[in-house]
Amino acid sequence: MNPQLIMDGLIAGAMIGLGAIGITLTYSILRFANFAHGEMISWGAYLALATSGLLGSLSGALLKPIGPFSFGWSLPLAVFAAVALTAALALFVDALLFGPLRKRRSAIIIMVMASFGASLALRSLLEFIFTSKPVYFSKALQIALPLGGGLRATPDQLLSLTIAALLVVAVHILLTHTAIGRSMRAVSENLQLAGVAGIDVRKVIRTVWVLGAGLACIAGVMAGLLVQIRPYMGFDLLLPLFAAAILGGIGSVPGAMLAGLIVGLAEALGVQLIGAEWRAAVAFMILVFVLLLRPQGLFGRAE
């Protein structure tokens, strides 16, 4: 068995974990499974690509690769703009669709079906604007560096793992050591009681959308940088995202990332043992087993 599967699994798991954080936060606070979250990954990647291209057209020096990496300064600058734009898109969808449904106290199944419809609309719009042809942040070839033990990784892959780890720590600190984090945890426990206690529930909901969309955007940029960008990239990640969110425990940020790594490693192992066409089945089996054996997940609490 090739030990390189460990590195491949960790890289895929880091992207899954970042995306799963948004799903677990949305579910714990808004109480519905948001099927449109995968499209935030796709939109984030394309918005970063478009912004990077615009910056590169203004100054060719921004396209020159930074040190050992395959991208220039146009991409890091574009990521900041893409995160803001993706967050704005999430807030727009909430104001247009989910907000009115919350005011009507719509059933959870209505919210879920609405998110599914939003997913289809966002994906179709993305495909209409950018076409379905795969695109890349950079076509530069990188040589994988030996890490020992038969493991190899490119500088872009190592950077992605580092950024993912830092973001998880930052989000965990935000939730546990800040006022807005305490408010988010209070709303996740009891939305009505939190409102009575004087917590600005609308602000908490906006924060959840911004945080989830921002992390999804960065996950999309990572996926586009290491693989490719296409309209269905978020949809293809949706099943692993839900598997990681449920495995980690709803509401647990470290759990979502750890579960993402587990799902990524399991998929990499499945690809080596039974073939790449069974990758999605691995995430599905994890999801089924967790729901049957430990529905509260690794770090969740039993209802």
C-alpha atoms as a PDB file:
ATOM      1  CA  MET A   1       0.000   0.000   0.000  1.00  0.00           C
ATOM      2  CA  ASN A   2       1.356   3.399  -1.008  1.00  0.00           C
ATOM      3  CA  PRO A   3       1.929   5.603   2.082  1.00  0.00           C
ATOM      4  CA  GLN A   4       1.255   8.651  -0.098  1.00  0.00           C
ATOM      5  CA  LEU A   5      -2.446   8.036   0.496  1.00  0.00           C
ATOM      6  CA  ILE A   6      -1.966   9.574   3.960  1.00  0.00           C
ATOM      7  CA  MET A   7      -0.897  12.894   2.474  1.00  0.00           C
ATOM      8  CA  ASP A   8      -3.602  12.755  -0.204  1.00  0.00           C
ATOM      9  CA  GLY A   9      -6.205  12.027   2.469  1.00  0.00           C
ATOM     10  CA  LEU A  10      -5.037  14.861   4.728  1.00  0.00           C
ATOM     11  CA  ILE A  11      -5.158  17.368   1.882  1.00  0.00           C
ATOM     12  CA  ALA A  12      -8.651  16.302   0.807  1.00  0.00           C
ATOM     13  CA  GLY A  13      -9.731  16.137   4.446  1.00  0.00           C
ATOM     14  CA  ALA A  14      -8.590  19.703   5.125  1.00  0.00           C
ATOM     15  CA  MET A  15     -10.858  21.006   2.351  1.00  0.00           C
ATOM     16  CA  ILE A  16     -13.748  18.843   3.557  1.00  0.00           C
ATOM     17  CA  GLY A  17     -13.225  19.969   7.149  1.00  0.00           C
ATOM     18  CA  LEU A  18     -13.326  23.673   6.304  1.00  0.00           C
ATOM     19  CA  GLY A  19     -16.539  23.205   4.359  1.00  0.00           C
ATOM     20  CA  ALA A  20     -18.068  21.052   7.090  1.00  0.00           C
ATOM     21  CA  ILE A  21     -17.588  23.819   9.672  1.00  0.00           C
ATOM     22  CA  GLY A  22     -20.095  25.982   7.808  1.00  0.00           C
ATOM     23  CA  ILE A  23     -22.617  23.142   7.654  1.00  0.00           C
ATOM     24  CA  THR A  24     -22.290  22.275  11.333  1.00  0.00           C
ATOM     25  CA  LEU A  25     -22.664  25.916  12.405  1.00  0.00           C
ATOM     26  CA  THR A  26     -25.678  26.449  10.154  1.00  0.00           C
ATOM     27  CA  TYR A  27     -27.380  23.317  11.416  1.00  0.00           C
ATOM     28  CA  SER A  28     -26.655  23.979  15.089  1.00  0.00           C
ATOM     29  CA  ILE A  29     -28.037  27.543  14.987  1.00  0.00           C
ATOM     30  CA  LEU A  30     -30.583  27.635  12.140  1.00  0.00           C
ATOM     31  CA  ARG A  31     -31.695  24.017  12.606  1.00  0.00           C
ATOM     32  CA  PHE A  32     -31.742  22.895   8.981  1.00  0.00           C
ATOM     33  CA  ALA A  33     -29.413  21.113   6.551  1.00  0.00           C
ATOM     34  CA  ASN A  34     -28.228  23.698   4.027  1.00  0.00           C
ATOM     35  CA  PHE A  35     -27.764  21.967   0.672  1.00  0.00           C
ATOM     36  CA  ALA A  36     -26.730  25.271  -0.906  1.00  0.00           C
ATOM     37  CA  HIS A  37     -23.527  25.358   1.143  1.00  0.00           C
ATOM     38  CA  GLY A  38     -21.611  23.422  -1.502  1.00  0.00           C
ATOM     39  CA  GLU A  39     -22.350  26.150  -4.023  1.00  0.00           C
ATOM     40  CA  MET A  40     -20.593  28.675  -1.784  1.00  0.00           C
ATOM     41  CA  ILE A  41     -17.453  26.603  -2.313  1.00  0.00           C
ATOM     42  CA  SER A  42     -17.874  26.823  -6.084  1.00  0.00           C
ATOM     43  CA  TRP A  43     -18.798  30.505  -6.091  1.00  0.00           C
ATOM     44  CA  GLY A  44     -15.889  31.326  -3.801  1.00  0.00           C
ATOM     45  CA  ALA A  45     -13.434  29.629  -6.141  1.00  0.00           C
ATOM     46  CA  TYR A  46     -14.794  31.345  -9.243  1.00  0.00           C
ATOM     47  CA  LEU A  47     -14.969  34.762  -7.570  1.00  0.00           C
ATOM     48  CA  ALA A  48     -11.337  34.377  -6.493  1.00  0.00           C
ATOM     49  CA  LEU A  49     -10.389  33.310 -10.037  1.00  0.00           C
ATOM     50  CA  ALA A  50     -12.161  36.282 -11.610  1.00  0.00           C
ATOM     51  CA  THR A  51     -10.684  38.763  -9.126  1.00  0.00           C
ATOM     52  CA  SER A  52      -7.211  37.273  -9.514  1.00  0.00           C
ATOM     53  CA  GLY A  53      -7.479  37.569 -13.281  1.00  0.00           C
ATOM     54  CA  LEU A  54      -8.613  41.180 -12.978  1.00  0.00           C
ATOM     55  CA  LEU A  55      -5.696  42.070 -10.704  1.00  0.00           C
ATOM     56  CA  GLY A  56      -3.300  40.277 -13.042  1.00  0.00           C
ATOM     57  CA  SER A  57      -4.565  42.284 -16.000  1.00  0.00           C
ATOM     58  CA  LEU A  58      -3.928  45.503 -14.076  1.00  0.00           C
ATOM     59  CA  SER A  59      -0.394  44.513 -13.094  1.00  0.00           C
ATOM     60  CA  GLY A  60       1.474  41.589 -14.620  1.00  0.00           C
ATOM     61  CA  ALA A  61       3.898  41.611 -11.694  1.00  0.00           C
ATOM     62  CA  LEU A  62       1.119  40.263  -9.469  1.00  0.00           C
ATOM     63  CA  LEU A  63       1.055  37.064 -11.534  1.00  0.00           C
ATOM     64  CA  LYS A  64       4.708  36.246 -10.907  1.00  0.00           C
ATOM     65  CA  PRO A  65       4.915  33.153  -8.655  1.00  0.00           C
ATOM     66  CA  ILE A  66       5.743  33.779  -5.002  1.00  0.00           C
ATOM     67  CA  GLY A  67       8.809  31.769  -4.003  1.00  0.00           C
ATOM     68  CA  PRO A  68       8.136  28.020  -4.347  1.00  0.00           C
ATOM     69  CA  PHE A  69       4.392  28.440  -4.864  1.00  0.00           C
ATOM     70  CA  SER A  70       2.537  28.232  -8.174  1.00  0.00           C
ATOM     71  CA  PHE A  71       0.646  31.527  -7.791  1.00  0.00           C
ATOM     72  CA  GLY A  72       1.448  35.207  -7.568  1.00  0.00           C
ATOM     73  CA  TRP A  73       0.260  37.940  -5.216  1.00  0.00           C
ATOM     74  CA  SER A  74      -2.903  38.341  -7.272  1.00  0.00           C
ATOM     75  CA  LEU A  75      -4.389  35.200  -5.692  1.00  0.00           C
ATOM     76  CA  PRO A  76      -3.897  36.057  -1.982  1.00  0.00           C
ATOM     77  CA  LEU A  77      -5.304  39.525  -2.655  1.00  0.00           C
ATOM     78  CA  ALA A  78      -8.184  38.021  -4.611  1.00  0.00           C
ATOM     79  CA  VAL A  79      -9.025  35.653  -1.742  1.00  0.00           C
ATOM     80  CA  PHE A  80      -9.845  38.571   0.575  1.00  0.00           C
ATOM     81  CA  ALA A  81     -12.197  40.039  -2.019  1.00  0.00           C
ATOM     82  CA  ALA A  82     -13.710  36.626  -2.792  1.00  0.00           C
ATOM     83  CA  VAL A  83     -14.395  35.918   0.895  1.00  0.00           C
ATOM     84  CA  ALA A  84     -16.250  39.239   1.190  1.00  0.00           C
ATOM     85  CA  LEU A  85     -18.209  38.624  -2.019  1.00  0.00           C
ATOM     86  CA  THR A  86     -19.114  35.052  -1.050  1.00  0.00           C
ATOM     87  CA  ALA A  87     -20.278  36.254   2.360  1.00  0.00           C
ATOM     88  CA  ALA A  88     -22.365  38.927   0.643  1.00  0.00           C
ATOM     89  CA  LEU A  89     -23.874  36.251  -1.601  1.00  0.00           C
ATOM     90  CA  ALA A  90     -24.789  34.120   1.435  1.00  0.00           C
ATOM     91  CA  LEU A  91     -26.414  37.121   3.143  1.00  0.00           C
ATOM     92  CA  PHE A  92     -28.328  37.917  -0.052  1.00  0.00           C
ATOM     93  CA  VAL A  93     -29.665  34.355  -0.310  1.00  0.00           C
ATOM     94  CA  ASP A  94     -30.662  34.482   3.357  1.00  0.00           C
ATOM     95  CA  ALA A  95     -32.442  37.826   2.952  1.00  0.00           C
ATOM     96  CA  LEU A  96     -34.191  36.687  -0.220  1.00  0.00           C
ATOM     97  CA  LEU A  97     -35.099  33.126   0.762  1.00  0.00           C
ATOM     98  CA  PHE A  98     -34.330  31.813   4.232  1.00  0.00           C
ATOM     99  CA  GLY A  99     -35.145  34.998   6.159  1.00  0.00           C
ATOM    100  CA  PRO A 100     -38.775  35.209   4.960  1.00  0.00           C
ATOM    101  CA  LEU A 101     -39.207  31.481   5.626  1.00  0.00           C
ATOM    102  CA  ARG A 102     -37.947  31.945   9.199  1.00  0.00           C
ATOM    103  CA  LYS A 103     -40.396  34.802   9.758  1.00  0.00           C
ATOM    104  CA  ARG A 104     -43.225  32.511   8.670  1.00  0.00           C
ATOM    105  CA  ARG A 105     -41.889  29.816  11.028  1.00  0.00           C
ATOM    106  CA  SER A 106     -41.755  27.384   8.116  1.00  0.00           C
ATOM    107  CA  ALA A 107     -41.177  23.712   8.810  1.00  0.00           C
ATOM    108  CA  ILE A 108     -37.655  22.346   8.640  1.00  0.00           C
ATOM    109  CA  ILE A 109     -38.441  20.324   5.529  1.00  0.00           C
ATOM    110  CA  ILE A 110     -39.482  23.544   3.767  1.00  0.00           C
ATOM    111  CA  MET A 111     -36.136  25.132   4.661  1.00  0.00           C
ATOM    112  CA  VAL A 112     -34.272  22.064   3.425  1.00  0.00           C
ATOM    113  CA  MET A 113     -36.154  21.991   0.122  1.00  0.00           C
ATOM    114  CA  ALA A 114     -35.607  25.736  -0.271  1.00  0.00           C
ATOM    115  CA  SER A 115     -31.861  25.230   0.198  1.00  0.00           C
ATOM    116  CA  PHE A 116     -31.941  22.491  -2.426  1.00  0.00           C
ATOM    117  CA  GLY A 117     -33.673  24.844  -4.858  1.00  0.00           C
ATOM    118  CA  ALA A 118     -31.158  27.589  -4.070  1.00  0.00           C
ATOM    119  CA  SER A 119     -28.367  25.113  -4.755  1.00  0.00           C
ATOM    120  CA  LEU A 120     -29.746  24.315  -8.219  1.00  0.00           C
ATOM    121  CA  ALA A 121     -30.241  27.988  -9.040  1.00  0.00           C
ATOM    122  CA  LEU A 122     -26.773  29.057  -7.883  1.00  0.00           C
ATOM    123  CA  ARG A 123     -25.094  26.185  -9.745  1.00  0.00           C
ATOM    124  CA  SER A 124     -26.973  26.887 -12.959  1.00  0.00           C
ATOM    125  CA  LEU A 125     -26.160  30.599 -12.753  1.00  0.00           C
ATOM    126  CA  LEU A 126     -22.502  29.795 -12.160  1.00  0.00           C
ATOM    127  CA  GLU A 127     -22.442  27.486 -15.169  1.00  0.00           C
ATOM    128  CA  PHE A 128     -24.207  30.099 -17.294  1.00  0.00           C
ATOM    129  CA  ILE A 129     -21.657  32.794 -16.413  1.00  0.00           C
ATOM    130  CA  PHE A 130     -18.427  30.786 -16.457  1.00  0.00           C
ATOM    131  CA  THR A 131     -19.454  27.735 -18.605  1.00  0.00           C
ATOM    132  CA  SER A 132     -18.784  24.153 -17.505  1.00  0.00           C
ATOM    133  CA  LYS A 133     -15.205  24.037 -18.799  1.00  0.00           C
ATOM    134  CA  PRO A 134     -12.691  23.315 -16.011  1.00  0.00           C
ATOM    135  CA  VAL A 135     -10.276  26.165 -15.273  1.00  0.00           C
ATOM    136  CA  TYR A 136      -7.190  26.566 -13.078  1.00  0.00           C
ATOM    137  CA  PHE A 137      -5.610  29.227 -10.907  1.00  0.00           C
ATOM    138  CA  SER A 138      -2.240  28.262 -12.323  1.00  0.00           C
ATOM    139  CA  LYS A 139      -0.969  25.741 -14.835  1.00  0.00           C
ATOM    140  CA  ALA A 140       2.555  25.808 -13.399  1.00  0.00           C
ATOM    141  CA  LEU A 141       3.978  22.386 -12.574  1.00  0.00           C
ATOM    142  CA  GLN A 142       5.304  21.836  -9.066  1.00  0.00           C
ATOM    143  CA  ILE A 143       7.745  19.188  -7.892  1.00  0.00           C
ATOM    144  CA  ALA A 144       6.576  17.347  -4.791  1.00  0.00           C
ATOM    145  CA  LEU A 145       9.014  17.588  -1.891  1.00  0.00           C
ATOM    146  CA  PRO A 146       9.992  14.423   0.017  1.00  0.00           C
ATOM    147  CA  LEU A 147       8.779  14.565   3.631  1.00  0.00           C
ATOM    148  CA  GLY A 148      10.063  11.198   4.788  1.00  0.00           C
ATOM    149  CA  GLY A 149       8.301   7.886   5.229  1.00  0.00           C
ATOM    150  CA  GLY A 150       7.401   7.756   1.569  1.00  0.00           C
ATOM    151  CA  LEU A 151       5.319  10.933   1.795  1.00  0.00           C
ATOM    152  CA  ARG A 152       5.613  13.768  -0.710  1.00  0.00           C
ATOM    153  CA  ALA A 153       3.804  17.108  -0.999  1.00  0.00           C
ATOM    154  CA  THR A 154       4.038  20.222  -3.125  1.00  0.00           C
ATOM    155  CA  PRO A 155       4.521  23.668  -1.533  1.00  0.00           C
ATOM    156  CA  ASP A 156       0.909  24.544  -2.422  1.00  0.00           C
ATOM    157  CA  GLN A 157      -0.352  21.452  -0.584  1.00  0.00           C
ATOM    158  CA  LEU A 158       1.698  22.189   2.526  1.00  0.00           C
ATOM    159  CA  LEU A 159       0.468  25.789   2.519  1.00  0.00           C
ATOM    160  CA  SER A 160      -3.140  24.621   2.243  1.00  0.00           C
ATOM    161  CA  LEU A 161      -2.762  22.284   5.226  1.00  0.00           C
ATOM    162  CA  THR A 162      -1.191  25.061   7.296  1.00  0.00           C
ATOM    163  CA  ILE A 163      -3.916  27.564   6.432  1.00  0.00           C
ATOM    164  CA  ALA A 164      -6.646  25.032   7.247  1.00  0.00           C
ATOM    165  CA  ALA A 165      -5.113  24.313  10.661  1.00  0.00           C
ATOM    166  CA  LEU A 166      -4.780  28.030  11.475  1.00  0.00           C
ATOM    167  CA  LEU A 167      -8.366  28.737  10.433  1.00  0.00           C
ATOM    168  CA  VAL A 168      -9.753  25.966  12.631  1.00  0.00           C
ATOM    169  CA  VAL A 169      -7.837  27.319  15.630  1.00  0.00           C
ATOM    170  CA  ALA A 170      -9.017  30.851  14.862  1.00  0.00           C
ATOM    171  CA  VAL A 171     -12.677  29.822  14.568  1.00  0.00           C
ATOM    172  CA  HIS A 172     -12.453  27.759  17.767  1.00  0.00           C
ATOM    173  CA  ILE A 173     -11.033  30.773  19.631  1.00  0.00           C
ATOM    174  CA  LEU A 174     -13.760  32.975  18.141  1.00  0.00           C
ATOM    175  CA  LEU A 175     -16.483  30.649  19.422  1.00  0.00           C
ATOM    176  CA  THR A 176     -15.029  30.101  22.886  1.00  0.00           C
ATOM    177  CA  HIS A 177     -13.346  33.391  23.834  1.00  0.00           C
ATOM    178  CA  THR A 178     -15.390  36.198  22.259  1.00  0.00           C
ATOM    179  CA  ALA A 179     -18.766  37.767  22.959  1.00  0.00           C
ATOM    180  CA  ILE A 180     -20.181  36.869  19.547  1.00  0.00           C
ATOM    181  CA  GLY A 181     -18.969  33.308  20.023  1.00  0.00           C
ATOM    182  CA  ARG A 182     -20.758  33.025  23.347  1.00  0.00           C
ATOM    183  CA  SER A 183     -23.875  34.467  21.736  1.00  0.00           C
ATOM    184  CA  MET A 184     -23.670  31.887  18.954  1.00  0.00           C
ATOM    185  CA  ARG A 185     -23.420  29.066  21.466  1.00  0.00           C
ATOM    186  CA  ALA A 186     -26.362  30.467  23.420  1.00  0.00           C
ATOM    187  CA  VAL A 187     -28.511  30.672  20.281  1.00  0.00           C
ATOM    188  CA  SER A 188     -27.533  27.113  19.339  1.00  0.00           C
ATOM    189  CA  GLU A 189     -28.783  25.942  22.758  1.00  0.00           C
ATOM    190  CA  ASN A 190     -32.113  27.785  22.676  1.00  0.00           C
ATOM    191  CA  LEU A 191     -32.917  30.460  20.111  1.00  0.00           C
ATOM    192  CA  GLN A 192     -36.052  31.803  21.828  1.00  0.00           C
ATOM    193  CA  LEU A 193     -34.458  31.949  25.267  1.00  0.00           C
ATOM    194  CA  ALA A 194     -31.369  33.669  23.849  1.00  0.00           C
ATOM    195  CA  GLY A 195     -33.599  36.341  22.323  1.00  0.00           C
ATOM    196  CA  VAL A 196     -35.385  36.882  25.631  1.00  0.00           C
ATOM    197  CA  ALA A 197     -31.988  37.220  27.357  1.00  0.00           C
ATOM    198  CA  GLY A 198     -31.154  40.173  25.124  1.00  0.00           C
ATOM    199  CA  ILE A 199     -28.921  38.478  22.556  1.00  0.00           C
ATOM    200  CA  ASP A 200     -29.166  39.954  19.062  1.00  0.00           C
ATOM    201  CA  VAL A 201     -30.281  36.808  17.238  1.00  0.00           C
ATOM    202  CA  ARG A 202     -30.246  38.499  13.821  1.00  0.00           C
ATOM    203  CA  LYS A 203     -26.611  39.488  14.318  1.00  0.00           C
ATOM    204  CA  VAL A 204     -25.750  35.913  15.280  1.00  0.00           C
ATOM    205  CA  ILE A 205     -27.476  34.561  12.169  1.00  0.00           C
ATOM    206  CA  ARG A 206     -25.628  37.036   9.957  1.00  0.00           C
ATOM    207  CA  THR A 207     -22.347  36.046  11.595  1.00  0.00           C
ATOM    208  CA  VAL A 208     -23.041  32.370  10.924  1.00  0.00           C
ATOM    209  CA  TRP A 209     -23.689  33.024   7.242  1.00  0.00           C
ATOM    210  CA  VAL A 210     -20.583  35.194   6.880  1.00  0.00           C
ATOM    211  CA  LEU A 211     -18.355  32.748   8.743  1.00  0.00           C
ATOM    212  CA  GLY A 212     -19.640  29.689   6.905  1.00  0.00           C
ATOM    213  CA  ALA A 213     -19.451  31.333   3.487  1.00  0.00           C
ATOM    214  CA  GLY A 214     -15.953  32.678   4.141  1.00  0.00           C
ATOM    215  CA  LEU A 215     -14.624  29.262   5.117  1.00  0.00           C
ATOM    216  CA  ALA A 216     -16.392  27.695   2.136  1.00  0.00           C
ATOM    217  CA  CYS A 217     -14.732  30.246  -0.136  1.00  0.00           C
ATOM    218  CA  ILE A 218     -11.280  29.371   1.206  1.00  0.00           C
ATOM    219  CA  ALA A 219     -12.039  25.654   0.836  1.00  0.00           C
ATOM    220  CA  GLY A 220     -13.029  26.328  -2.769  1.00  0.00           C
ATOM    221  CA  VAL A 221      -9.821  28.240  -3.445  1.00  0.00           C
ATOM    222  CA  MET A 222      -7.817  25.371  -1.951  1.00  0.00           C
ATOM    223  CA  ALA A 223      -9.672  22.845  -4.108  1.00  0.00           C
ATOM    224  CA  GLY A 224      -9.182  24.988  -7.201  1.00  0.00           C
ATOM    225  CA  LEU A 225      -5.502  25.514  -6.488  1.00  0.00           C
ATOM    226  CA  LEU A 226      -4.762  21.839  -5.867  1.00  0.00           C
ATOM    227  CA  VAL A 227      -7.165  20.261  -8.367  1.00  0.00           C
ATOM    228  CA  GLN A 228      -9.335  22.360 -10.683  1.00  0.00           C
ATOM    229  CA  ILE A 229     -12.300  24.720 -10.694  1.00  0.00           C
ATOM    230  CA  ARG A 230     -15.654  23.707 -12.174  1.00  0.00           C
ATOM    231  CA  PRO A 231     -19.297  24.485 -11.404  1.00  0.00           C
ATOM    232  CA  TYR A 232     -19.989  21.059  -9.871  1.00  0.00           C
ATOM    233  CA  MET A 233     -17.015  21.069  -7.492  1.00  0.00           C
ATOM    234  CA  GLY A 234     -19.158  22.109  -4.527  1.00  0.00           C
ATOM    235  CA  PHE A 235     -21.907  19.635  -5.373  1.00  0.00           C
ATOM    236  CA  ASP A 236     -19.367  16.791  -5.533  1.00  0.00           C
ATOM    237  CA  LEU A 237     -18.115  17.737  -2.058  1.00  0.00           C
ATOM    238  CA  LEU A 238     -21.593  17.925  -0.520  1.00  0.00           C
ATOM    239  CA  LEU A 239     -21.822  14.291   0.636  1.00  0.00           C
ATOM    240  CA  PRO A 240     -18.348  14.293   2.285  1.00  0.00           C
ATOM    241  CA  LEU A 241     -19.215  17.636   3.917  1.00  0.00           C
ATOM    242  CA  PHE A 242     -22.352  16.261   5.536  1.00  0.00           C
ATOM    243  CA  ALA A 243     -20.552  13.062   6.518  1.00  0.00           C
ATOM    244  CA  ALA A 244     -17.835  15.103   8.253  1.00  0.00           C
ATOM    245  CA  ALA A 245     -20.315  17.466   9.942  1.00  0.00           C
ATOM    246  CA  ILE A 246     -22.326  14.571  11.387  1.00  0.00           C
ATOM    247  CA  LEU A 247     -19.289  12.466  12.279  1.00  0.00           C
ATOM    248  CA  GLY A 248     -17.659  15.375  14.121  1.00  0.00           C
ATOM    249  CA  GLY A 249     -20.823  16.269  16.030  1.00  0.00           C
ATOM    250  CA  ILE A 250     -23.171  19.105  15.188  1.00  0.00           C
ATOM    251  CA  GLY A 251     -21.824  22.397  16.553  1.00  0.00           C
ATOM    252  CA  SER A 252     -18.235  21.207  17.098  1.00  0.00           C
ATOM    253  CA  VAL A 253     -15.675  23.074  14.997  1.00  0.00           C
ATOM    254  CA  PRO A 254     -12.657  20.897  15.962  1.00  0.00           C
ATOM    255  CA  GLY A 255     -14.902  17.869  15.480  1.00  0.00           C
ATOM    256  CA  ALA A 256     -15.811  18.963  11.954  1.00  0.00           C
ATOM    257  CA  MET A 257     -12.159  19.357  10.989  1.00  0.00           C
ATOM    258  CA  LEU A 258     -11.087  16.077  12.606  1.00  0.00           C
ATOM    259  CA  ALA A 259     -13.990  14.288  10.938  1.00  0.00           C
ATOM    260  CA  GLY A 260     -13.067  15.917   7.634  1.00  0.00           C
ATOM    261  CA  LEU A 261      -9.578  14.474   7.934  1.00  0.00           C
ATOM    262  CA  ILE A 262     -11.044  11.059   8.765  1.00  0.00           C
ATOM    263  CA  VAL A 263     -13.361  11.191   5.736  1.00  0.00           C
ATOM    264  CA  GLY A 264     -10.490  12.352   3.516  1.00  0.00           C
ATOM    265  CA  LEU A 265      -8.212   9.543   4.689  1.00  0.00           C
ATOM    266  CA  ALA A 266     -11.009   6.990   4.299  1.00  0.00           C
ATOM    267  CA  GLU A 267     -11.686   8.174   0.743  1.00  0.00           C
ATOM    268  CA  ALA A 268      -7.981   8.029  -0.132  1.00  0.00           C
ATOM    269  CA  LEU A 269      -7.790   4.502   1.287  1.00  0.00           C
ATOM    270  CA  GLY A 270     -10.901   3.490  -0.636  1.00  0.00           C
ATOM    271  CA  VAL A 271      -9.440   4.831  -3.882  1.00  0.00           C
ATOM    272  CA  GLN A 272      -6.321   2.705  -3.399  1.00  0.00           C
ATOM    273  CA  LEU A 273      -8.170  -0.449  -2.357  1.00  0.00           C
ATOM    274  CA  ILE A 274     -11.271  -0.516  -4.554  1.00  0.00           C
ATOM    275  CA  GLY A 275     -10.914   2.293  -7.116  1.00  0.00           C
ATOM    276  CA  ALA A 276     -11.649   5.987  -7.590  1.00  0.00           C
ATOM    277  CA  GLU A 277     -15.213   5.344  -8.767  1.00  0.00           C
ATOM    278  CA  TRP A 278     -16.112   4.282  -5.193  1.00  0.00           C
ATOM    279  CA  ARG A 279     -14.885   7.494  -3.542  1.00  0.00           C
ATOM    280  CA  ALA A 280     -18.393   8.873  -2.985  1.00  0.00           C
ATOM    281  CA  ALA A 281     -19.562   5.533  -1.606  1.00  0.00           C
ATOM    282  CA  VAL A 282     -16.969   5.740   1.168  1.00  0.00           C
ATOM    283  CA  ALA A 283     -18.387   9.037   2.455  1.00  0.00           C
ATOM    284  CA  PHE A 284     -21.909   7.619   2.192  1.00  0.00           C
ATOM    285  CA  MET A 285     -21.001   4.531   4.219  1.00  0.00           C
ATOM    286  CA  ILE A 286     -19.394   6.707   6.911  1.00  0.00           C
ATOM    287  CA  LEU A 287     -22.553   8.808   7.044  1.00  0.00           C
ATOM    288  CA  VAL A 288     -24.802   5.746   7.378  1.00  0.00           C
ATOM    289  CA  PHE A 289     -22.683   4.067  10.062  1.00  0.00           C
ATOM    290  CA  VAL A 290     -22.462   7.236  12.150  1.00  0.00           C
ATOM    291  CA  LEU A 291     -26.213   7.805  11.983  1.00  0.00           C
ATOM    292  CA  LEU A 292     -26.836   4.200  13.022  1.00  0.00           C
ATOM    293  CA  LEU A 293     -24.170   3.766  15.695  1.00  0.00           C
ATOM    294  CA  ARG A 294     -23.469   7.250  17.109  1.00  0.00           C
ATOM    295  CA  PRO A 295     -25.853   9.863  15.703  1.00  0.00           C
ATOM    296  CA  GLN A 296     -24.471  12.568  18.000  1.00  0.00           C
ATOM    297  CA  GLY A 297     -21.029  12.195  16.379  1.00  0.00           C
ATOM    298  CA  LEU A 298     -17.598  12.158  17.992  1.00  0.00           C
ATOM    299  CA  PHE A 299     -17.897  15.433  19.920  1.00  0.00           C
ATOM    300  CA  GLY A 300     -21.660  15.944  19.938  1.00  0.00           C
ATOM    301  CA  ARG A 301     -24.036  15.405  22.814  1.00  0.00           C
ATOM    302  CA  ALA A 302     -26.901  12.918  22.778  1.00  0.00           C
ATOM    303  CA  GLU A 303     -30.315  14.571  22.621  1.00  0.00           C
END
